[in-house]
């Protein structure tokens, strides 16, 4: 594999991962959260039950973590591309 090919691959990878990161961050930010509700006690299960808001906040957090991972990979691709460019 030539150096020019590696530069092309890392440049394209950077763009793809940056777009993916932006998409996940937008998805996370666009989620509508339900109104805050108090935790409820489930007598049958003998424990507190997660509210819809808590579930949505956990999903937002996961999406933001995925977006951050994609942004990190995009940044690494940019660094590799810059180092490979003659």
PDB file of N, CA and C in Angstrom:
ATOM      1  N   UNK A   1       0.847  -1.166   0.000  1.00  0.00           N
ATOM      2  CA  UNK A   1       0.000   0.000   0.000  1.00  0.00           C
ATOM      3  C   UNK A   1       0.898   1.237   0.000  1.00  0.00           C
ATOM      4  N   UNK A   2       0.612   2.142  -0.891  1.00  0.00           N
ATOM      5  CA  UNK A   2       1.448   3.337  -1.007  1.00  0.00           C
ATOM      6  C   UNK A   2       1.042   4.386   0.032  1.00  0.00           C
ATOM      7  N   UNK A   3       1.935   5.365   0.203  1.00  0.00           N
ATOM      8  CA  UNK A   3       1.670   6.427   1.163  1.00  0.00           C
ATOM      9  C   UNK A   3       0.469   7.270   0.728  1.00  0.00           C
ATOM     10  N   UNK A   4       0.341   7.503  -0.560  1.00  0.00           N
ATOM     11  CA  UNK A   4      -0.791   8.282  -1.069  1.00  0.00           C
ATOM     12  C   UNK A   4      -2.117   7.570  -0.781  1.00  0.00           C
ATOM     13  N   UNK A   5      -2.121   6.245  -0.900  1.00  0.00           N
ATOM     14  CA  UNK A   5      -3.317   5.470  -0.606  1.00  0.00           C
ATOM     15  C   UNK A   5      -3.684   5.586   0.874  1.00  0.00           C
ATOM     16  N   UNK A   6      -2.665   5.497   1.748  1.00  0.00           N
ATOM     17  CA  UNK A   6      -2.910   5.626   3.187  1.00  0.00           C
ATOM     18  C   UNK A   6      -3.448   7.012   3.544  1.00  0.00           C
ATOM     19  N   UNK A   7      -2.913   8.037   2.898  1.00  0.00           N
ATOM     20  CA  UNK A   7      -3.403   9.396   3.141  1.00  0.00           C
ATOM     21  C   UNK A   7      -4.864   9.504   2.729  1.00  0.00           C
ATOM     22  N   UNK A   8      -5.211   8.934   1.596  1.00  0.00           N
ATOM     23  CA  UNK A   8      -6.590   8.965   1.122  1.00  0.00           C
ATOM     24  C   UNK A   8      -7.520   8.220   2.080  1.00  0.00           C
ATOM     25  N   UNK A   9      -7.096   7.033   2.510  1.00  0.00           N
ATOM     26  CA  UNK A   9      -7.910   6.229   3.423  1.00  0.00           C
ATOM     27  C   UNK A   9      -8.135   6.964   4.740  1.00  0.00           C
ATOM     28  N   UNK A  10      -7.079   7.538   5.314  1.00  0.00           N
ATOM     29  CA  UNK A  10      -7.232   8.232   6.599  1.00  0.00           C
ATOM     30  C   UNK A  10      -8.053   9.510   6.458  1.00  0.00           C
ATOM     31  N   UNK A  11      -7.922  10.181   5.330  1.00  0.00           N
ATOM     32  CA  UNK A  11      -8.727  11.391   5.110  1.00  0.00           C
ATOM     33  C   UNK A  11     -10.214  11.051   4.981  1.00  0.00           C
ATOM     34  N   UNK A  12     -10.510  10.009   4.218  1.00  0.00           N
ATOM     35  CA  UNK A  12     -11.906   9.580   4.074  1.00  0.00           C
ATOM     36  C   UNK A  12     -12.435   9.073   5.411  1.00  0.00           C
ATOM     37  N   UNK A  13     -11.631   8.309   6.128  1.00  0.00           N
ATOM     38  CA  UNK A  13     -12.038   7.808   7.447  1.00  0.00           C
ATOM     39  C   UNK A  13     -12.344   8.948   8.399  1.00  0.00           C
ATOM     40  N   UNK A  14     -11.536   9.971   8.348  1.00  0.00           N
ATOM     41  CA  UNK A  14     -11.765  11.133   9.208  1.00  0.00           C
ATOM     42  C   UNK A  14     -13.120  11.761   8.925  1.00  0.00           C
ATOM     43  N   UNK A  15     -13.439  11.929   7.659  1.00  0.00           N
ATOM     44  CA  UNK A  15     -14.726  12.514   7.288  1.00  0.00           C
ATOM     45  C   UNK A  15     -15.896  11.644   7.701  1.00  0.00           C
ATOM     46  N   UNK A  16     -15.772  10.348   7.493  1.00  0.00           N
ATOM     47  CA  UNK A  16     -16.850   9.422   7.842  1.00  0.00           C
ATOM     48  C   UNK A  16     -17.106   9.436   9.351  1.00  0.00           C
ATOM     49  N   UNK A  17     -16.034   9.345  10.143  1.00  0.00           N
ATOM     50  CA  UNK A  17     -16.205   9.326  11.591  1.00  0.00           C
ATOM     51  C   UNK A  17     -16.691  10.668  12.130  1.00  0.00           C
ATOM     52  N   UNK A  18     -16.270  11.758  11.525  1.00  0.00           N
ATOM     53  CA  UNK A  18     -16.747  13.077  11.952  1.00  0.00           C
ATOM     54  C   UNK A  18     -18.239  13.229  11.682  1.00  0.00           C
ATOM     55  N   UNK A  19     -18.688  12.751  10.519  1.00  0.00           N
ATOM     56  CA  UNK A  19     -20.117  12.800  10.195  1.00  0.00           C
ATOM     57  C   UNK A  19     -20.908  11.906  11.149  1.00  0.00           C
ATOM     58  N   UNK A  20     -20.372  10.712  11.446  1.00  0.00           N
ATOM     59  CA  UNK A  20     -21.050   9.811  12.385  1.00  0.00           C
ATOM     60  C   UNK A  20     -21.151  10.456  13.767  1.00  0.00           C
ATOM     61  N   UNK A  21     -20.080  11.084  14.221  1.00  0.00           N
ATOM     62  CA  UNK A  21     -20.100  11.753  15.528  1.00  0.00           C
ATOM     63  C   UNK A  21     -21.153  12.858  15.553  1.00  0.00           C
ATOM     64  N   UNK A  22     -21.185  13.657  14.505  1.00  0.00           N
ATOM     65  CA  UNK A  22     -22.176  14.736  14.437  1.00  0.00           C
ATOM     66  C   UNK A  22     -23.595  14.171  14.450  1.00  0.00           C
ATOM     67  N   UNK A  23     -23.813  13.082  13.749  1.00  0.00           N
ATOM     68  CA  UNK A  23     -25.136  12.457  13.719  1.00  0.00           C
ATOM     69  C   UNK A  23     -25.569  11.956  15.090  1.00  0.00           C
ATOM     70  N   UNK A  24     -24.654  11.271  15.802  1.00  0.00           N
ATOM     71  CA  UNK A  24     -25.005  10.768  17.127  1.00  0.00           C
ATOM     72  C   UNK A  24     -25.227  11.901  18.116  1.00  0.00           C
ATOM     73  N   UNK A  25     -24.420  12.967  18.032  1.00  0.00           N
ATOM     74  CA  UNK A  25     -24.621  14.099  18.936  1.00  0.00           C
ATOM     75  C   UNK A  25     -25.944  14.791  18.652  1.00  0.00           C
ATOM     76  N   UNK A  26     -26.294  14.907  17.376  1.00  0.00           N
ATOM     77  CA  UNK A  26     -27.581  15.511  17.033  1.00  0.00           C
ATOM     78  C   UNK A  26     -28.723  14.640  17.544  1.00  0.00           C
ATOM     79  N   UNK A  27     -28.619  13.327  17.348  1.00  0.00           N
ATOM     80  CA  UNK A  27     -29.638  12.394  17.804  1.00  0.00           C
ATOM     81  C   UNK A  27     -29.813  12.511  19.319  1.00  0.00           C
ATOM     82  N   UNK A  28     -28.692  12.573  20.026  1.00  0.00           N
ATOM     83  CA  UNK A  28     -28.733  12.711  21.479  1.00  0.00           C
ATOM     84  C   UNK A  28     -29.388  14.029  21.890  1.00  0.00           C
ATOM     85  N   UNK A  29     -29.043  15.100  21.208  1.00  0.00           N
ATOM     86  CA  UNK A  29     -29.576  16.421  21.557  1.00  0.00           C
ATOM     87  C   UNK A  29     -31.045  16.567  21.160  1.00  0.00           C
ATOM     88  N   UNK A  30     -31.470  15.861  20.135  1.00  0.00           N
ATOM     89  CA  UNK A  30     -32.839  16.001  19.643  1.00  0.00           C
ATOM     90  C   UNK A  30     -33.840  15.143  20.414  1.00  0.00           C
ATOM     91  N   UNK A  31     -33.355  14.266  21.282  1.00  0.00           N
ATOM     92  CA  UNK A  31     -34.271  13.419  22.056  1.00  0.00           C
ATOM     93  C   UNK A  31     -35.126  14.268  22.977  1.00  0.00           C
ATOM     94  N   UNK A  32     -36.403  13.991  22.985  1.00  0.00           N
ATOM     95  CA  UNK A  32     -37.305  14.702  23.896  1.00  0.00           C
ATOM     96  C   UNK A  32     -37.355  13.932  25.208  1.00  0.00           C
ATOM     97  N   UNK A  33     -37.159  14.652  26.287  1.00  0.00           N
ATOM     98  CA  UNK A  33     -37.212  14.020  27.600  1.00  0.00           C
ATOM     99  C   UNK A  33     -38.609  14.154  28.188  1.00  0.00           C
ATOM    100  N   UNK A  34     -39.116  13.086  28.786  1.00  0.00           N
ATOM    101  CA  UNK A  34     -40.401  13.199  29.461  1.00  0.00           C
ATOM    102  C   UNK A  34     -40.273  14.095  30.694  1.00  0.00           C
ATOM    103  N   UNK A  35     -41.396  14.563  31.205  1.00  0.00           N
ATOM    104  CA  UNK A  35     -41.370  15.379  32.418  1.00  0.00           C
ATOM    105  C   UNK A  35     -40.755  14.577  33.554  1.00  0.00           C
ATOM    106  N   UNK A  36     -40.118  15.295  34.444  1.00  0.00           N
ATOM    107  CA  UNK A  36     -39.510  14.640  35.601  1.00  0.00           C
ATOM    108  C   UNK A  36     -40.599  14.030  36.476  1.00  0.00           C
ATOM    109  N   UNK A  37     -40.381  12.809  36.855  1.00  0.00           N
ATOM    110  CA  UNK A  37     -41.305  12.143  37.766  1.00  0.00           C
ATOM    111  C   UNK A  37     -40.505  11.506  38.885  1.00  0.00           C
ATOM    112  N   UNK A  38     -41.151  11.300  39.997  1.00  0.00           N
ATOM    113  CA  UNK A  38     -40.469  10.669  41.114  1.00  0.00           C
ATOM    114  C   UNK A  38     -40.362   9.176  40.859  1.00  0.00           C
ATOM    115  N   UNK A  39     -39.335   8.570  41.425  1.00  0.00           N
ATOM    116  CA  UNK A  39     -39.205   7.121  41.325  1.00  0.00           C
ATOM    117  C   UNK A  39     -40.374   6.470  42.040  1.00  0.00           C
ATOM    118  N   UNK A  40     -40.809   5.377  41.504  1.00  0.00           N
ATOM    119  CA  UNK A  40     -41.942   4.694  42.099  1.00  0.00           C
ATOM    120  C   UNK A  40     -41.503   3.358  42.693  1.00  0.00           C
ATOM    121  N   UNK A  41     -42.219   2.919  43.676  1.00  0.00           N
ATOM    122  CA  UNK A  41     -41.914   1.668  44.353  1.00  0.00           C
ATOM    123  C   UNK A  41     -42.823   0.577  43.787  1.00  0.00           C
ATOM    124  N   UNK A  42     -42.213  -0.496  43.326  1.00  0.00           N
ATOM    125  CA  UNK A  42     -42.964  -1.635  42.818  1.00  0.00           C
ATOM    126  C   UNK A  42     -43.071  -2.661  43.944  1.00  0.00           C
ATOM    127  N   UNK A  43     -44.262  -2.817  44.483  1.00  0.00           N
ATOM    128  CA  UNK A  43     -44.435  -3.731  45.624  1.00  0.00           C
ATOM    129  C   UNK A  43     -44.139  -5.172  45.239  1.00  0.00           C
ATOM    130  N   UNK A  44     -44.575  -5.570  44.064  1.00  0.00           N
ATOM    131  CA  UNK A  44     -44.371  -6.958  43.646  1.00  0.00           C
ATOM    132  C   UNK A  44     -42.899  -7.285  43.480  1.00  0.00           C
ATOM    133  N   UNK A  45     -42.155  -6.373  42.852  1.00  0.00           N
ATOM    134  CA  UNK A  45     -40.726  -6.607  42.632  1.00  0.00           C
ATOM    135  C   UNK A  45     -39.905  -6.286  43.878  1.00  0.00           C
ATOM    136  N   UNK A  46     -40.459  -5.460  44.774  1.00  0.00           N
ATOM    137  CA  UNK A  46     -39.749  -5.098  45.984  1.00  0.00           C
ATOM    138  C   UNK A  46     -38.586  -4.145  45.743  1.00  0.00           C
ATOM    139  N   UNK A  47     -38.717  -3.298  44.749  1.00  0.00           N
ATOM    140  CA  UNK A  47     -37.647  -2.339  44.442  1.00  0.00           C
ATOM    141  C   UNK A  47     -38.232  -1.114  43.758  1.00  0.00           C
ATOM    142  N   UNK A  48     -37.397  -0.093  43.626  1.00  0.00           N
ATOM    143  CA  UNK A  48     -37.847   1.093  42.911  1.00  0.00           C
ATOM    144  C   UNK A  48     -37.796   0.823  41.418  1.00  0.00           C
ATOM    145  N   UNK A  49     -38.670   1.482  40.693  1.00  0.00           N
ATOM    146  CA  UNK A  49     -38.786   1.283  39.249  1.00  0.00           C
ATOM    147  C   UNK A  49     -38.228   2.509  38.535  1.00  0.00           C
ATOM    148  N   UNK A  50     -37.502   2.264  37.470  1.00  0.00           N
ATOM    149  CA  UNK A  50     -36.925   3.349  36.685  1.00  0.00           C
ATOM    150  C   UNK A  50     -38.032   4.121  35.966  1.00  0.00           C
ATOM    151  N   UNK A  51     -37.924   5.440  36.000  1.00  0.00           N
ATOM    152  CA  UNK A  51     -38.908   6.277  35.321  1.00  0.00           C
ATOM    153  C   UNK A  51     -38.530   6.421  33.842  1.00  0.00           C
ATOM    154  N   UNK A  52     -39.489   6.810  32.995  1.00  0.00           N
ATOM    155  CA  UNK A  52     -39.166   7.026  31.576  1.00  0.00           C
ATOM    156  C   UNK A  52     -38.072   8.085  31.387  1.00  0.00           C
ATOM    157  N   UNK A  53     -38.064   9.111  32.230  1.00  0.00           N
ATOM    158  CA  UNK A  53     -37.032  10.153  32.110  1.00  0.00           C
ATOM    159  C   UNK A  53     -35.651   9.578  32.389  1.00  0.00           C
ATOM    160  N   UNK A  54     -35.518   8.769  33.416  1.00  0.00           N
ATOM    161  CA  UNK A  54     -34.223   8.164  33.726  1.00  0.00           C
ATOM    162  C   UNK A  54     -33.738   7.284  32.578  1.00  0.00           C
ATOM    163  N   UNK A  55     -34.669   6.552  31.987  1.00  0.00           N
ATOM    164  CA  UNK A  55     -34.325   5.687  30.854  1.00  0.00           C
ATOM    165  C   UNK A  55     -33.840   6.534  29.668  1.00  0.00           C
ATOM    166  N   UNK A  56     -34.533   7.636  29.399  1.00  0.00           N
ATOM    167  CA  UNK A  56     -34.158   8.519  28.286  1.00  0.00           C
ATOM    168  C   UNK A  56     -32.807   9.186  28.545  1.00  0.00           C
ATOM    169  N   UNK A  57     -32.568   9.592  29.789  1.00  0.00           N
ATOM    170  CA  UNK A  57     -31.275  10.215  30.109  1.00  0.00           C
ATOM    171  C   UNK A  57     -30.127   9.224  29.935  1.00  0.00           C
ATOM    172  N   UNK A  58     -30.370   7.959  30.294  1.00  0.00           N
ATOM    173  CA  UNK A  58     -29.318   6.951  30.111  1.00  0.00           C
ATOM    174  C   UNK A  58     -29.054   6.720  28.622  1.00  0.00           C
ATOM    175  N   UNK A  59     -30.114   6.732  27.807  1.00  0.00           N
ATOM    176  CA  UNK A  59     -29.931   6.559  26.362  1.00  0.00           C
ATOM    177  C   UNK A  59     -29.170   7.748  25.777  1.00  0.00           C
ATOM    178  N   UNK A  60     -29.500   8.962  26.225  1.00  0.00           N
ATOM    179  CA  UNK A  60     -28.765  10.139  25.759  1.00  0.00           C
ATOM    180  C   UNK A  60     -27.288  10.020  26.082  1.00  0.00           C
ATOM    181  N   UNK A  61     -26.999   9.562  27.276  1.00  0.00           N
ATOM    182  CA  UNK A  61     -25.615   9.419  27.705  1.00  0.00           C
ATOM    183  C   UNK A  61     -24.868   8.421  26.821  1.00  0.00           C
ATOM    184  N   UNK A  62     -25.499   7.306  26.502  1.00  0.00           N
ATOM    185  CA  UNK A  62     -24.868   6.305  25.630  1.00  0.00           C
ATOM    186  C   UNK A  62     -24.606   6.875  24.241  1.00  0.00           C
ATOM    187  N   UNK A  63     -25.588   7.616  23.694  1.00  0.00           N
ATOM    188  CA  UNK A  63     -25.415   8.200  22.364  1.00  0.00           C
ATOM    189  C   UNK A  63     -24.281   9.225  22.355  1.00  0.00           C
ATOM    190  N   UNK A  64     -24.181  10.010  23.410  1.00  0.00           N
ATOM    191  CA  UNK A  64     -23.099  10.993  23.506  1.00  0.00           C
ATOM    192  C   UNK A  64     -21.743  10.297  23.606  1.00  0.00           C
ATOM    193  N   UNK A  65     -21.691   9.179  24.318  1.00  0.00           N
ATOM    194  CA  UNK A  65     -20.436   8.427  24.429  1.00  0.00           C
ATOM    195  C   UNK A  65     -20.017   7.863  23.064  1.00  0.00           C
ATOM    196  N   UNK A  66     -20.974   7.365  22.306  1.00  0.00           N
ATOM    197  CA  UNK A  66     -20.669   6.854  20.960  1.00  0.00           C
ATOM    198  C   UNK A  66     -20.178   7.999  20.077  1.00  0.00           C
ATOM    199  N   UNK A  67     -20.828   9.150  20.171  1.00  0.00           N
ATOM    200  CA  UNK A  67     -20.422  10.310  19.374  1.00  0.00           C
ATOM    201  C   UNK A  67     -19.002  10.733  19.736  1.00  0.00           C
ATOM    202  N   UNK A  68     -18.687  10.731  21.019  1.00  0.00           N
ATOM    203  CA  UNK A  68     -17.340  11.104  21.442  1.00  0.00           C
ATOM    204  C   UNK A  68     -16.306  10.110  20.916  1.00  0.00           C
ATOM    205  N   UNK A  69     -16.650   8.828  20.902  1.00  0.00           N
ATOM    206  CA  UNK A  69     -15.742   7.820  20.356  1.00  0.00           C
ATOM    207  C   UNK A  69     -15.482   8.074  18.867  1.00  0.00           C
ATOM    208  N   UNK A  70     -16.551   8.337  18.110  1.00  0.00           N
ATOM    209  CA  UNK A  70     -16.394   8.632  16.685  1.00  0.00           C
ATOM    210  C   UNK A  70     -15.559   9.896  16.468  1.00  0.00           C
ATOM    211  N   UNK A  71     -15.780  10.912  17.279  1.00  0.00           N
ATOM    212  CA  UNK A  71     -14.993  12.145  17.154  1.00  0.00           C
ATOM    213  C   UNK A  71     -13.516  11.873  17.436  1.00  0.00           C
ATOM    214  N   UNK A  72     -13.244  11.023  18.413  1.00  0.00           N
ATOM    215  CA  UNK A  72     -11.856  10.661  18.714  1.00  0.00           C
ATOM    216  C   UNK A  72     -11.190   9.917  17.572  1.00  0.00           C
ATOM    217  N   UNK A  73     -11.913   8.986  16.969  1.00  0.00           N
ATOM    218  CA  UNK A  73     -11.361   8.247  15.824  1.00  0.00           C
ATOM    219  C   UNK A  73     -11.132   9.196  14.649  1.00  0.00           C
ATOM    220  N   UNK A  74     -12.059  10.122  14.435  1.00  0.00           N
ATOM    221  CA  UNK A  74     -11.885  11.103  13.347  1.00  0.00           C
ATOM    222  C   UNK A  74     -10.645  11.948  13.584  1.00  0.00           C
ATOM    223  N   UNK A  75     -10.425  12.352  14.829  1.00  0.00           N
ATOM    224  CA  UNK A  75      -9.232  13.144  15.145  1.00  0.00           C
ATOM    225  C   UNK A  75      -7.957  12.336  14.916  1.00  0.00           C
ATOM    226  N   UNK A  76      -7.969  11.067  15.303  1.00  0.00           N
ATOM    227  CA  UNK A  76      -6.796  10.210  15.058  1.00  0.00           C
ATOM    228  C   UNK A  76      -6.534  10.049  13.563  1.00  0.00           C
ATOM    229  N   UNK A  77      -7.592   9.925  12.782  1.00  0.00           N
ATOM    230  CA  UNK A  77      -7.428   9.831  11.324  1.00  0.00           C
ATOM    231  C   UNK A  77      -6.818  11.100  10.761  1.00  0.00           C
ATOM    232  N   UNK A  78      -7.237  12.266  11.279  1.00  0.00           N
ATOM    233  CA  UNK A  78      -6.660  13.532  10.826  1.00  0.00           C
ATOM    234  C   UNK A  78      -5.173  13.609  11.153  1.00  0.00           C
ATOM    235  N   UNK A  79      -4.815  13.189  12.365  1.00  0.00           N
ATOM    236  CA  UNK A  79      -3.398  13.200  12.766  1.00  0.00           C
ATOM    237  C   UNK A  79      -2.604  12.252  11.868  1.00  0.00           C
ATOM    238  N   UNK A  80      -3.116  11.040  11.643  1.00  0.00           N
ATOM    239  CA  UNK A  80      -2.412  10.092  10.782  1.00  0.00           C
ATOM    240  C   UNK A  80      -2.275  10.632   9.372  1.00  0.00           C
ATOM    241  N   UNK A  81      -3.331  11.253   8.861  1.00  0.00           N
ATOM    242  CA  UNK A  81      -3.286  11.822   7.519  1.00  0.00           C
ATOM    243  C   UNK A  81      -2.237  12.931   7.433  1.00  0.00           C
ATOM    244  N   UNK A  82      -2.189  13.780   8.450  1.00  0.00           N
ATOM    245  CA  UNK A  82      -1.206  14.873   8.446  1.00  0.00           C
ATOM    246  C   UNK A  82       0.217  14.340   8.534  1.00  0.00           C
ATOM    247  N   UNK A  83       0.413  13.271   9.300  1.00  0.00           N
ATOM    248  CA  UNK A  83       1.755  12.707   9.425  1.00  0.00           C
ATOM    249  C   UNK A  83       2.198  11.990   8.146  1.00  0.00           C
ATOM    250  N   UNK A  84       1.248  11.452   7.402  1.00  0.00           N
ATOM    251  CA  UNK A  84       1.579  10.707   6.187  1.00  0.00           C
ATOM    252  C   UNK A  84       1.732  11.622   4.967  1.00  0.00           C
ATOM    253  N   UNK A  85       1.194  12.824   5.049  1.00  0.00           N
ATOM    254  CA  UNK A  85       1.275  13.728   3.925  1.00  0.00           C
ATOM    255  C   UNK A  85       2.707  14.205   3.749  1.00  0.00           C
ATOM    256  N   UNK A  86       3.250  14.056   2.531  1.00  0.00           N
ATOM    257  CA  UNK A  86       4.659  14.450   2.313  1.00  0.00           C
ATOM    258  C   UNK A  86       4.885  15.942   2.390  1.00  0.00           C
TER     259      UNK A  86
END
